[in-house]
Amino acid sequence: MKKFTLIALVLTSFLLLSKRSDAQSYKTAVGLKFGGYENGPSVKYFMNESTALEGILGIRNHGLVVTGLYEIHQTAFNTAGLKFYYGFGAHVGAVGSGVYKRFGSDDNYYNDSHILLGADGVLGLEYKLPDAPIALSLDLNPRLELATGPFFDLAPGLGIKYTF
């Protein structure tokens, strides 16, 4: 719990130190997201210069999860191309029988299929490479699982996207 508090404090300080974004350097991005639970393709679409929608199709052991996020982006540390973002969303999916390791916990064994349904959050940094159509992101993804829980987990995420 101390690690979670420290990480939340550091990422919240990013929010307080950053200023509002003047403009986003891309409108749409497609790529891959690697997370504590699932890995898979993602799409991000900016509705305006500071708000975006992101969809992730997460492939996991014996299952599939679709996650949708609403994100707010701000310039971080007055650095061109570096954005701080935070947001919320939800996930829905299914997993089959087998052994699953929740991030940071012991293995769980499920004898039958389970529906996954819950609320998600996101808090992270994204860097758009100058003179290249590539964006890299690193974030924390708090997740409240309701269908097989309830339980709360916090997982890191790493993304690489092609921007246009």
Protein backbone atom coordinates (compact mmCIF):
# COMPACT_ATOMS: atom_id res chain seq x y z
CA MET A 1 0.00 0.00 0.00
CA LYS A 2 2.95 2.33 0.63
CA LYS A 3 4.12 1.84 -2.97
CA PHE A 4 0.66 2.68 -4.27
CA THR A 5 0.51 5.85 -2.16
CA LEU A 6 3.96 6.94 -3.32
CA ILE A 7 3.17 6.30 -6.99
CA ALA A 8 -0.16 8.14 -6.71
CA LEU A 9 1.57 11.08 -5.03
CA VAL A 10 4.26 11.33 -7.73
CA LEU A 11 1.78 11.11 -10.59
CA THR A 12 -0.54 13.62 -8.94
CA SER A 13 2.37 16.03 -8.66
CA PHE A 14 2.77 15.76 -12.45
CA LEU A 15 -0.78 17.06 -12.74
CA LEU A 16 -0.13 19.98 -10.43
CA LEU A 17 3.15 20.95 -12.14
CA SER A 18 1.86 20.72 -15.68
CA LYS A 19 0.04 23.41 -17.61
CA ARG A 20 -2.83 23.06 -20.03
CA SER A 21 -1.95 21.81 -23.48
CA ASP A 22 -1.98 24.39 -26.26
CA ALA A 23 -2.37 21.85 -29.05
CA GLN A 24 -2.04 18.14 -29.63
CA SER A 25 0.56 17.10 -32.19
CA TYR A 26 -1.60 14.30 -33.65
CA LYS A 27 -5.28 13.43 -34.06
CA THR A 28 -5.25 9.60 -34.17
CA ALA A 29 -2.85 6.86 -33.10
CA VAL A 30 -2.84 3.08 -33.45
CA GLY A 31 -0.44 0.74 -31.74
CA LEU A 32 0.16 -1.84 -29.05
CA LYS A 33 -0.47 -1.67 -25.32
CA PHE A 34 1.37 -3.97 -22.90
CA GLY A 35 -0.21 -4.16 -19.47
CA GLY A 36 -0.30 -6.08 -16.22
CA TYR A 37 -3.33 -8.07 -17.36
CA GLU A 38 -3.61 -7.98 -21.14
CA ASN A 39 -1.55 -7.11 -24.19
CA GLY A 40 -3.01 -6.04 -27.50
CA PRO A 41 -3.85 -3.41 -30.08
CA SER A 42 -5.04 0.05 -29.10
CA VAL A 43 -6.52 3.09 -30.84
CA LYS A 44 -6.51 6.66 -29.50
CA TYR A 45 -8.59 9.46 -31.03
CA PHE A 46 -8.41 13.11 -29.92
CA MET A 47 -11.81 14.82 -29.84
CA ASN A 48 -10.06 18.17 -29.26
CA GLU A 49 -6.59 19.30 -28.17
CA SER A 50 -6.88 17.98 -24.60
CA THR A 51 -9.44 15.12 -24.54
CA ALA A 52 -9.11 11.72 -26.14
CA LEU A 53 -10.89 8.38 -26.33
CA GLU A 54 -8.78 5.23 -26.20
CA GLY A 55 -9.87 1.69 -26.94
CA ILE A 56 -7.81 -1.38 -26.11
CA LEU A 57 -8.43 -4.95 -27.24
CA GLY A 58 -6.63 -6.91 -24.53
CA ILE A 59 -5.60 -10.49 -25.19
CA ARG A 60 -4.87 -12.53 -22.09
CA ASN A 61 -4.38 -16.17 -21.14
CA HIS A 62 -7.62 -17.96 -22.16
CA GLY A 63 -9.52 -14.71 -22.70
CA LEU A 64 -10.22 -11.35 -24.27
CA VAL A 65 -11.05 -7.97 -22.70
CA VAL A 66 -12.23 -4.73 -24.34
CA THR A 67 -11.37 -1.53 -22.45
CA GLY A 68 -12.58 1.98 -23.23
CA LEU A 69 -10.98 5.07 -21.64
CA TYR A 70 -11.76 8.79 -21.59
CA GLU A 71 -8.49 10.70 -21.16
CA ILE A 72 -7.51 14.30 -20.43
CA HIS A 73 -4.06 15.35 -21.69
CA GLN A 74 -1.88 18.23 -20.46
CA THR A 75 1.65 19.39 -21.22
CA ALA A 76 4.11 17.98 -18.69
CA PHE A 77 7.12 19.91 -17.38
CA ASN A 78 6.81 22.52 -20.17
CA THR A 79 8.43 19.97 -22.50
CA ALA A 80 7.36 19.81 -26.13
CA GLY A 81 5.91 16.43 -26.99
CA LEU A 82 5.59 15.26 -23.37
CA LYS A 83 2.01 14.94 -22.10
CA PHE A 84 0.59 13.97 -18.74
CA TYR A 85 -2.77 12.22 -18.98
CA TYR A 86 -5.39 10.85 -16.64
CA GLY A 87 -8.85 9.44 -17.10
CA PHE A 88 -11.42 6.77 -16.47
CA GLY A 89 -13.35 4.08 -18.29
CA ALA A 90 -14.61 0.53 -18.13
CA HIS A 91 -13.78 -2.97 -19.32
CA VAL A 92 -15.78 -6.02 -20.34
CA GLY A 93 -14.55 -9.44 -21.38
CA ALA A 94 -14.36 -13.13 -20.63
CA VAL A 95 -11.79 -15.68 -19.55
CA GLY A 96 -11.88 -19.47 -19.68
CA SER A 97 -10.77 -21.98 -17.07
CA GLY A 98 -7.16 -22.07 -15.94
CA VAL A 99 -4.63 -20.49 -13.62
CA TYR A 100 -4.46 -16.69 -13.60
CA LYS A 101 -2.07 -14.41 -11.86
CA ARG A 102 -3.51 -11.08 -10.87
CA PHE A 103 -0.80 -8.42 -10.93
CA GLY A 104 0.95 -8.39 -7.55
CA SER A 105 -0.99 -11.32 -6.04
CA ASP A 106 -1.01 -15.10 -5.76
CA ASP A 107 -2.23 -17.42 -8.51
CA ASN A 108 -5.96 -18.08 -8.77
CA TYR A 109 -7.45 -21.15 -10.41
CA TYR A 110 -10.83 -20.98 -12.13
CA ASN A 111 -12.66 -24.19 -13.06
CA ASP A 112 -15.02 -22.54 -15.53
CA SER A 113 -15.39 -19.44 -17.68
CA HIS A 114 -15.88 -16.03 -16.10
CA ILE A 115 -17.19 -12.71 -17.28
CA LEU A 116 -14.97 -9.71 -16.54
CA LEU A 117 -16.69 -6.38 -15.93
CA GLY A 118 -15.48 -3.35 -14.08
CA ALA A 119 -14.20 0.20 -13.86
CA ASP A 120 -10.78 1.39 -15.01
CA GLY A 121 -8.60 4.41 -14.48
CA VAL A 122 -5.44 5.61 -16.15
CA LEU A 123 -2.65 7.95 -15.03
CA GLY A 124 0.48 8.35 -17.13
CA LEU A 125 2.95 10.13 -19.38
CA GLU A 126 3.14 10.06 -23.18
CA TYR A 127 6.01 11.29 -25.34
CA LYS A 128 5.52 12.03 -29.04
CA LEU A 129 8.89 11.72 -30.77
CA PRO A 130 9.78 14.88 -32.69
CA ASP A 131 10.08 14.41 -36.46
CA ALA A 132 8.70 10.85 -36.20
CA PRO A 133 5.13 9.52 -36.16
CA ILE A 134 5.74 7.53 -32.96
CA ALA A 135 4.36 8.06 -29.45
CA LEU A 136 5.50 6.15 -26.34
CA SER A 137 3.48 5.96 -23.13
CA LEU A 138 3.98 4.70 -19.61
CA ASP A 139 1.04 4.59 -17.22
CA LEU A 140 -0.66 3.07 -14.21
CA ASN A 141 -4.00 1.38 -14.67
CA PRO A 142 -6.09 1.01 -11.52
CA ARG A 143 -8.86 -1.53 -12.06
CA LEU A 144 -11.91 -2.40 -10.01
CA GLU A 145 -13.14 -5.84 -11.03
CA LEU A 146 -16.81 -6.33 -10.17
CA ALA A 147 -17.91 -9.56 -11.89
CA THR A 148 -15.29 -11.93 -10.41
CA GLY A 149 -14.50 -9.81 -7.36
CA PRO A 150 -14.93 -7.34 -6.13
CA PHE A 151 -11.23 -6.63 -6.01
CA PHE A 152 -8.93 -3.71 -6.80
CA ASP A 153 -5.61 -3.99 -8.61
CA LEU A 154 -3.05 -1.55 -9.96
CA ALA A 155 -1.07 -2.52 -13.05
CA PRO A 156 1.58 -0.71 -15.08
CA GLY A 157 1.12 -0.19 -18.80
CA LEU A 158 3.50 0.50 -21.68
CA GLY A 159 2.33 1.66 -25.10
CA ILE A 160 3.85 2.29 -28.50
CA LYS A 161 1.73 3.96 -31.17
CA TYR A 162 1.93 5.15 -34.75
CA THR A 163 0.45 8.66 -34.97
CA PHE A 164 -1.28 10.43 -37.85
